[in-house]
Amino acid sequence: MIIFIGNLPPEVGANELADLGQLTTGTPVRIYKKRDGTGGLHRYGLVHLGSEKDGRSLIRRLHGTGIRGNSLQVREF
């Protein structure tokens, strides 16, 4: 299962995101940057988990939590 984590602040890295999600070592976490039509930069992460159960648990733990003033948007990708 792949989990989308949106609304990331600019300075958050993959290791910090893995720590926040209490992910096991070796869980693939990638951070992406994308410009919108107005020149704004959007940052989001994708986490690849082995099971749907782990994915649902991560969504429950992180959705709506705050990191550096941003409220995370977490859902299935």
PDB file of N, CA and C in Angstrom:
ATOM      1  N   MET A   1       0.848  -1.173   0.000  1.00  0.00           N
ATOM      2  CA  MET A   1       0.000   0.000   0.000  1.00  0.00           C
ATOM      3  C   MET A   1       0.895   1.237   0.000  1.00  0.00           C
ATOM      4  N   ILE A   2       0.505   2.228  -0.787  1.00  0.00           N
ATOM      5  CA  ILE A   2       1.253   3.485  -0.844  1.00  0.00           C
ATOM      6  C   ILE A   2       0.425   4.569  -0.159  1.00  0.00           C
ATOM      7  N   ILE A   3       1.069   5.307   0.735  1.00  0.00           N
ATOM      8  CA  ILE A   3       0.412   6.369   1.501  1.00  0.00           C
ATOM      9  C   ILE A   3       0.954   7.722   1.057  1.00  0.00           C
ATOM     10  N   PHE A   4       0.042   8.652   0.797  1.00  0.00           N
ATOM     11  CA  PHE A   4       0.358  10.033   0.439  1.00  0.00           C
ATOM     12  C   PHE A   4       0.349  10.878   1.707  1.00  0.00           C
ATOM     13  N   ILE A   5       1.402  11.672   1.907  1.00  0.00           N
ATOM     14  CA  ILE A   5       1.460  12.600   3.041  1.00  0.00           C
ATOM     15  C   ILE A   5       1.706  13.984   2.469  1.00  0.00           C
ATOM     16  N   GLY A   6       0.694  14.825   2.517  1.00  0.00           N
ATOM     17  CA  GLY A   6       0.768  16.141   1.918  1.00  0.00           C
ATOM     18  C   GLY A   6       0.857  17.268   2.929  1.00  0.00           C
ATOM     19  N   ASN A   7       1.112  18.453   2.399  1.00  0.00           N
ATOM     20  CA  ASN A   7       1.241  19.689   3.167  1.00  0.00           C
ATOM     21  C   ASN A   7       2.501  19.689   4.030  1.00  0.00           C
ATOM     22  N   LEU A   8       3.587  19.168   3.472  1.00  0.00           N
ATOM     23  CA  LEU A   8       4.854  19.120   4.204  1.00  0.00           C
ATOM     24  C   LEU A   8       5.545  20.484   4.173  1.00  0.00           C
ATOM     25  N   PRO A   9       6.112  20.898   5.300  1.00  0.00           N
ATOM     26  CA  PRO A   9       6.919  22.120   5.297  1.00  0.00           C
ATOM     27  C   PRO A   9       8.201  21.896   4.496  1.00  0.00           C
ATOM     28  N   PRO A  10       8.797  22.966   3.956  1.00  0.00           N
ATOM     29  CA  PRO A  10       9.963  22.839   3.069  1.00  0.00           C
ATOM     30  C   PRO A  10      11.165  22.128   3.676  1.00  0.00           C
ATOM     31  N   GLU A  11      11.379  22.256   4.969  1.00  0.00           N
ATOM     32  CA  GLU A  11      12.601  21.726   5.564  1.00  0.00           C
ATOM     33  C   GLU A  11      12.494  20.288   6.063  1.00  0.00           C
ATOM     34  N   VAL A  12      11.351  19.635   5.893  1.00  0.00           N
ATOM     35  CA  VAL A  12      11.175  18.262   6.372  1.00  0.00           C
ATOM     36  C   VAL A  12      11.788  17.289   5.378  1.00  0.00           C
ATOM     37  N   GLY A  13      12.590  16.361   5.884  1.00  0.00           N
ATOM     38  CA  GLY A  13      13.217  15.342   5.047  1.00  0.00           C
ATOM     39  C   GLY A  13      12.601  13.971   5.272  1.00  0.00           C
ATOM     40  N   ALA A  14      13.011  13.018   4.461  1.00  0.00           N
ATOM     41  CA  ALA A  14      12.473  11.663   4.528  1.00  0.00           C
ATOM     42  C   ALA A  14      12.727  11.010   5.883  1.00  0.00           C
ATOM     43  N   ASN A  15      13.910  11.225   6.469  1.00  0.00           N
ATOM     44  CA  ASN A  15      14.213  10.617   7.772  1.00  0.00           C
ATOM     45  C   ASN A  15      13.302  11.153   8.871  1.00  0.00           C
ATOM     46  N   GLU A  16      13.058  12.458   8.866  1.00  0.00           N
ATOM     47  CA  GLU A  16      12.180  13.047   9.881  1.00  0.00           C
ATOM     48  C   GLU A  16      10.748  12.533   9.709  1.00  0.00           C
ATOM     49  N   LEU A  17      10.312  12.399   8.462  1.00  0.00           N
ATOM     50  CA  LEU A  17       8.976  11.882   8.196  1.00  0.00           C
ATOM     51  C   LEU A  17       8.854  10.430   8.660  1.00  0.00           C
ATOM     52  N   ALA A  18       9.886   9.633   8.434  1.00  0.00           N
ATOM     53  CA  ALA A  18       9.887   8.243   8.896  1.00  0.00           C
ATOM     54  C   ALA A  18       9.836   8.177  10.419  1.00  0.00           C
ATOM     55  N   ASP A  19      10.576   9.060  11.087  1.00  0.00           N
ATOM     56  CA  ASP A  19      10.554   9.105  12.548  1.00  0.00           C
ATOM     57  C   ASP A  19       9.174   9.502  13.063  1.00  0.00           C
ATOM     58  N   LEU A  20       8.573  10.503  12.439  1.00  0.00           N
ATOM     59  CA  LEU A  20       7.256  10.977  12.844  1.00  0.00           C
ATOM     60  C   LEU A  20       6.218   9.861  12.718  1.00  0.00           C
ATOM     61  N   GLY A  21       6.311   9.084  11.644  1.00  0.00           N
ATOM     62  CA  GLY A  21       5.379   7.987  11.409  1.00  0.00           C
ATOM     63  C   GLY A  21       5.728   6.713  12.144  1.00  0.00           C
ATOM     64  N   GLN A  22       6.817   6.734  12.897  1.00  0.00           N
ATOM     65  CA  GLN A  22       7.291   5.561  13.640  1.00  0.00           C
ATOM     66  C   GLN A  22       7.460   4.363  12.704  1.00  0.00           C
ATOM     67  N   LEU A  23       8.062   4.633  11.538  1.00  0.00           N
ATOM     68  CA  LEU A  23       8.249   3.586  10.533  1.00  0.00           C
ATOM     69  C   LEU A  23       9.496   2.779  10.835  1.00  0.00           C
ATOM     70  N   THR A  24       9.478   1.530  10.444  1.00  0.00           N
ATOM     71  CA  THR A  24      10.629   0.672  10.671  1.00  0.00           C
ATOM     72  C   THR A  24      11.758   1.063   9.723  1.00  0.00           C
ATOM     73  N   THR A  25      12.974   0.780  10.133  1.00  0.00           N
ATOM     74  CA  THR A  25      14.140   1.069   9.306  1.00  0.00           C
ATOM     75  C   THR A  25      14.005   0.346   7.971  1.00  0.00           C
ATOM     76  N   GLY A  26      14.286   1.055   6.907  1.00  0.00           N
ATOM     77  CA  GLY A  26      14.211   0.464   5.579  1.00  0.00           C
ATOM     78  C   GLY A  26      12.893   0.680   4.861  1.00  0.00           C
ATOM     79  N   THR A  27      11.888   1.268   5.547  1.00  0.00           N
ATOM     80  CA  THR A  27      10.622   1.562   4.884  1.00  0.00           C
ATOM     81  C   THR A  27      10.862   2.669   3.854  1.00  0.00           C
ATOM     82  N   PRO A  28      10.528   2.424   2.572  1.00  0.00           N
ATOM     83  CA  PRO A  28      10.783   3.435   1.544  1.00  0.00           C
ATOM     84  C   PRO A  28       9.919   4.684   1.743  1.00  0.00           C
ATOM     85  N   VAL A  29      10.577   5.838   1.922  1.00  0.00           N
ATOM     86  CA  VAL A  29       9.917   7.134   2.056  1.00  0.00           C
ATOM     87  C   VAL A  29      10.584   8.075   1.068  1.00  0.00           C
ATOM     88  N   ARG A  30       9.790   8.724   0.241  1.00  0.00           N
ATOM     89  CA  ARG A  30      10.338   9.680  -0.724  1.00  0.00           C
ATOM     90  C   ARG A  30       9.601  11.005  -0.588  1.00  0.00           C
ATOM     91  N   ILE A  31      10.347  12.091  -0.728  1.00  0.00           N
ATOM     92  CA  ILE A  31       9.787  13.439  -0.693  1.00  0.00           C
ATOM     93  C   ILE A  31       9.814  13.992  -2.119  1.00  0.00           C
ATOM     94  N   TYR A  32       8.710  14.592  -2.540  1.00  0.00           N
ATOM     95  CA  TYR A  32       8.592  15.162  -3.881  1.00  0.00           C
ATOM     96  C   TYR A  32       8.251  16.643  -3.793  1.00  0.00           C
ATOM     97  N   LYS A  33       8.684  17.402  -4.806  1.00  0.00           N
ATOM     98  CA  LYS A  33       8.373  18.824  -4.919  1.00  0.00           C
ATOM     99  C   LYS A  33       7.726  19.039  -6.277  1.00  0.00           C
ATOM    100  N   LYS A  34       6.661  19.840  -6.304  1.00  0.00           N
ATOM    101  CA  LYS A  34       5.981  20.108  -7.559  1.00  0.00           C
ATOM    102  C   LYS A  34       5.494  21.552  -7.570  1.00  0.00           C
ATOM    103  N   ARG A  35       5.746  22.262  -8.650  1.00  0.00           N
ATOM    104  CA  ARG A  35       5.276  23.642  -8.801  1.00  0.00           C
ATOM    105  C   ARG A  35       3.865  23.635  -9.389  1.00  0.00           C
ATOM    106  N   ASP A  36       3.031  24.534  -8.858  1.00  0.00           N
ATOM    107  CA  ASP A  36       1.692  24.676  -9.427  1.00  0.00           C
ATOM    108  C   ASP A  36       1.699  25.771 -10.488  1.00  0.00           C
ATOM    109  N   GLY A  37       0.566  26.071 -11.064  1.00  0.00           N
ATOM    110  CA  GLY A  37       0.467  27.046 -12.135  1.00  0.00           C
ATOM    111  C   GLY A  37       0.771  28.473 -11.725  1.00  0.00           C
ATOM    112  N   THR A  38       0.744  28.753 -10.416  1.00  0.00           N
ATOM    113  CA  THR A  38       1.012  30.109  -9.931  1.00  0.00           C
ATOM    114  C   THR A  38       2.439  30.268  -9.428  1.00  0.00           C
ATOM    115  N   GLY A  39       3.240  29.240  -9.569  1.00  0.00           N
ATOM    116  CA  GLY A  39       4.624  29.305  -9.120  1.00  0.00           C
ATOM    117  C   GLY A  39       4.838  28.818  -7.702  1.00  0.00           C
ATOM    118  N   GLY A  40       3.756  28.423  -7.017  1.00  0.00           N
ATOM    119  CA  GLY A  40       3.875  27.891  -5.661  1.00  0.00           C
ATOM    120  C   GLY A  40       4.483  26.496  -5.671  1.00  0.00           C
ATOM    121  N   LEU A  41       5.151  26.151  -4.600  1.00  0.00           N
ATOM    122  CA  LEU A  41       5.798  24.841  -4.488  1.00  0.00           C
ATOM    123  C   LEU A  41       5.029  23.969  -3.513  1.00  0.00           C
ATOM    124  N   HIS A  42       4.649  22.793  -3.964  1.00  0.00           N
ATOM    125  CA  HIS A  42       3.963  21.825  -3.122  1.00  0.00           C
ATOM    126  C   HIS A  42       4.945  20.707  -2.787  1.00  0.00           C
ATOM    127  N   ARG A  43       4.968  20.300  -1.518  1.00  0.00           N
ATOM    128  CA  ARG A  43       5.839  19.198  -1.078  1.00  0.00           C
ATOM    129  C   ARG A  43       4.962  18.110  -0.488  1.00  0.00           C
ATOM    130  N   TYR A  44       5.260  16.877  -0.880  1.00  0.00           N
ATOM    131  CA  TYR A  44       4.516  15.743  -0.338  1.00  0.00           C
ATOM    132  C   TYR A  44       5.436  14.537  -0.272  1.00  0.00           C
ATOM    133  N   GLY A  45       5.033  13.572   0.500  1.00  0.00           N
ATOM    134  CA  GLY A  45       5.802  12.349   0.637  1.00  0.00           C
ATOM    135  C   GLY A  45       4.973  11.140   0.253  1.00  0.00           C
ATOM    136  N   LEU A  46       5.650  10.098  -0.203  1.00  0.00           N
ATOM    137  CA  LEU A  46       5.011   8.815  -0.470  1.00  0.00           C
ATOM    138  C   LEU A  46       5.733   7.761   0.354  1.00  0.00           C
ATOM    139  N   VAL A  47       4.946   6.956   1.047  1.00  0.00           N
ATOM    140  CA  VAL A  47       5.480   5.891   1.887  1.00  0.00           C
ATOM    141  C   VAL A  47       4.953   4.568   1.354  1.00  0.00           C
ATOM    142  N   HIS A  48       5.853   3.638   1.074  1.00  0.00           N
ATOM    143  CA  HIS A  48       5.476   2.319   0.575  1.00  0.00           C
ATOM    144  C   HIS A  48       5.468   1.346   1.759  1.00  0.00           C
ATOM    145  N   LEU A  49       4.287   0.810   2.057  1.00  0.00           N
ATOM    146  CA  LEU A  49       4.147  -0.132   3.169  1.00  0.00           C
ATOM    147  C   LEU A  49       3.746  -1.502   2.638  1.00  0.00           C
ATOM    148  N   GLY A  50       4.111  -2.532   3.373  1.00  0.00           N
ATOM    149  CA  GLY A  50       3.883  -3.899   2.928  1.00  0.00           C
ATOM    150  C   GLY A  50       2.462  -4.387   3.061  1.00  0.00           C
ATOM    151  N   SER A  51       1.673  -3.782   3.938  1.00  0.00           N
ATOM    152  CA  SER A  51       0.317  -4.291   4.130  1.00  0.00           C
ATOM    153  C   SER A  51      -0.689  -3.153   4.253  1.00  0.00           C
ATOM    154  N   GLU A  52      -1.926  -3.472   3.939  1.00  0.00           N
ATOM    155  CA  GLU A  52      -3.000  -2.494   4.064  1.00  0.00           C
ATOM    156  C   GLU A  52      -3.219  -2.133   5.536  1.00  0.00           C
ATOM    157  N   LYS A  53      -3.060  -3.103   6.416  1.00  0.00           N
ATOM    158  CA  LYS A  53      -3.222  -2.852   7.856  1.00  0.00           C
ATOM    159  C   LYS A  53      -2.230  -1.785   8.332  1.00  0.00           C
ATOM    160  N   ASP A  54      -0.962  -1.903   7.920  1.00  0.00           N
ATOM    161  CA  ASP A  54       0.049  -0.909   8.296  1.00  0.00           C
ATOM    162  C   ASP A  54      -0.287   0.456   7.709  1.00  0.00           C
ATOM    163  N   GLY A  55      -0.792   0.463   6.484  1.00  0.00           N
ATOM    164  CA  GLY A  55      -1.166   1.711   5.835  1.00  0.00           C
ATOM    165  C   GLY A  55      -2.293   2.417   6.556  1.00  0.00           C
ATOM    166  N   ARG A  56      -3.331   1.688   6.904  1.00  0.00           N
ATOM    167  CA  ARG A  56      -4.475   2.280   7.633  1.00  0.00           C
ATOM    168  C   ARG A  56      -4.030   2.804   8.996  1.00  0.00           C
ATOM    169  N   SER A  57      -3.140   2.083   9.640  1.00  0.00           N
ATOM    170  CA  SER A  57      -2.622   2.521  10.936  1.00  0.00           C
ATOM    171  C   SER A  57      -1.853   3.837  10.800  1.00  0.00           C
ATOM    172  N   LEU A  58      -1.022   3.954   9.759  1.00  0.00           N
ATOM    173  CA  LEU A  58      -0.263   5.179   9.532  1.00  0.00           C
ATOM    174  C   LEU A  58      -1.199   6.355   9.249  1.00  0.00           C
ATOM    175  N   ILE A  59      -2.227   6.130   8.467  1.00  0.00           N
ATOM    176  CA  ILE A  59      -3.199   7.190   8.179  1.00  0.00           C
ATOM    177  C   ILE A  59      -3.848   7.676   9.472  1.00  0.00           C
ATOM    178  N   ARG A  60      -4.299   6.755  10.314  1.00  0.00           N
ATOM    179  CA  ARG A  60      -4.934   7.131  11.591  1.00  0.00           C
ATOM    180  C   ARG A  60      -3.976   7.912  12.488  1.00  0.00           C
ATOM    181  N   ARG A  61      -2.708   7.496  12.528  1.00  0.00           N
ATOM    182  CA  ARG A  61      -1.731   8.151  13.414  1.00  0.00           C
ATOM    183  C   ARG A  61      -1.345   9.547  12.945  1.00  0.00           C
ATOM    184  N   LEU A  62      -1.246   9.752  11.639  1.00  0.00           N
ATOM    185  CA  LEU A  62      -0.674  11.009  11.147  1.00  0.00           C
ATOM    186  C   LEU A  62      -1.662  12.025  10.594  1.00  0.00           C
ATOM    187  N   HIS A  63      -2.814  11.591  10.073  1.00  0.00           N
ATOM    188  CA  HIS A  63      -3.727  12.545   9.431  1.00  0.00           C
ATOM    189  C   HIS A  63      -4.174  13.623  10.422  1.00  0.00           C
ATOM    190  N   GLY A  64      -3.953  14.870  10.022  1.00  0.00           N
ATOM    191  CA  GLY A  64      -4.357  16.005  10.844  1.00  0.00           C
ATOM    192  C   GLY A  64      -3.356  16.411  11.906  1.00  0.00           C
ATOM    193  N   THR A  65      -2.285  15.629  12.079  1.00  0.00           N
ATOM    194  CA  THR A  65      -1.274  16.017  13.063  1.00  0.00           C
ATOM    195  C   THR A  65      -0.453  17.165  12.500  1.00  0.00           C
ATOM    196  N   GLY A  66       0.194  17.890  13.374  1.00  0.00           N
ATOM    197  CA  GLY A  66       0.970  19.043  12.942  1.00  0.00           C
ATOM    198  C   GLY A  66       2.457  18.765  12.931  1.00  0.00           C
ATOM    199  N   ILE A  67       3.123  19.413  11.979  1.00  0.00           N
ATOM    200  CA  ILE A  67       4.576  19.378  11.924  1.00  0.00           C
ATOM    201  C   ILE A  67       5.044  20.755  11.464  1.00  0.00           C
ATOM    202  N   ARG A  68       5.760  21.416  12.341  1.00  0.00           N
ATOM    203  CA  ARG A  68       6.291  22.759  12.056  1.00  0.00           C
ATOM    204  C   ARG A  68       5.220  23.725  11.553  1.00  0.00           C
ATOM    205  N   GLY A  69       4.058  23.660  12.177  1.00  0.00           N
ATOM    206  CA  GLY A  69       2.979  24.585  11.848  1.00  0.00           C
ATOM    207  C   GLY A  69       2.072  24.157  10.702  1.00  0.00           C
ATOM    208  N   ASN A  70       2.349  23.035  10.073  1.00  0.00           N
ATOM    209  CA  ASN A  70       1.517  22.541   8.969  1.00  0.00           C
ATOM    210  C   ASN A  70       0.706  21.339   9.443  1.00  0.00           C
ATOM    211  N   SER A  71      -0.562  21.291   9.070  1.00  0.00           N
ATOM    212  CA  SER A  71      -1.418  20.148   9.372  1.00  0.00           C
ATOM    213  C   SER A  71      -1.300  19.148   8.226  1.00  0.00           C
ATOM    214  N   LEU A  72      -0.865  17.931   8.537  1.00  0.00           N
ATOM    215  CA  LEU A  72      -0.622  16.923   7.500  1.00  0.00           C
ATOM    216  C   LEU A  72      -1.920  16.359   6.939  1.00  0.00           C
ATOM    217  N   GLN A  73      -1.909  16.130   5.637  1.00  0.00           N
ATOM    218  CA  GLN A  73      -2.997  15.470   4.935  1.00  0.00           C
ATOM    219  C   GLN A  73      -2.480  14.087   4.560  1.00  0.00           C
ATOM    220  N   VAL A  74      -3.066  13.054   5.138  1.00  0.00           N
ATOM    221  CA  VAL A  74      -2.560  11.698   4.932  1.00  0.00           C
ATOM    222  C   VAL A  74      -3.708  10.813   4.418  1.00  0.00           C
ATOM    223  N   ARG A  75      -3.439  10.110   3.303  1.00  0.00           N
ATOM    224  CA  ARG A  75      -4.460   9.262   2.699  1.00  0.00           C
ATOM    225  C   ARG A  75      -3.794   8.193   1.825  1.00  0.00           C
ATOM    226  N   GLU A  76      -4.606   7.255   1.372  1.00  0.00           N
ATOM    227  CA  GLU A  76      -4.099   6.252   0.436  1.00  0.00           C
ATOM    228  C   GLU A  76      -3.813   6.932  -0.895  1.00  0.00           C
ATOM    229  N   PHE A  77      -2.724   6.544  -1.545  1.00  0.00           N
ATOM    230  CA  PHE A  77      -2.320   7.168  -2.798  1.00  0.00           C
ATOM    231  C   PHE A  77      -3.035   6.544  -3.964  1.00  0.00           C
TER     232      PHE A  77
END
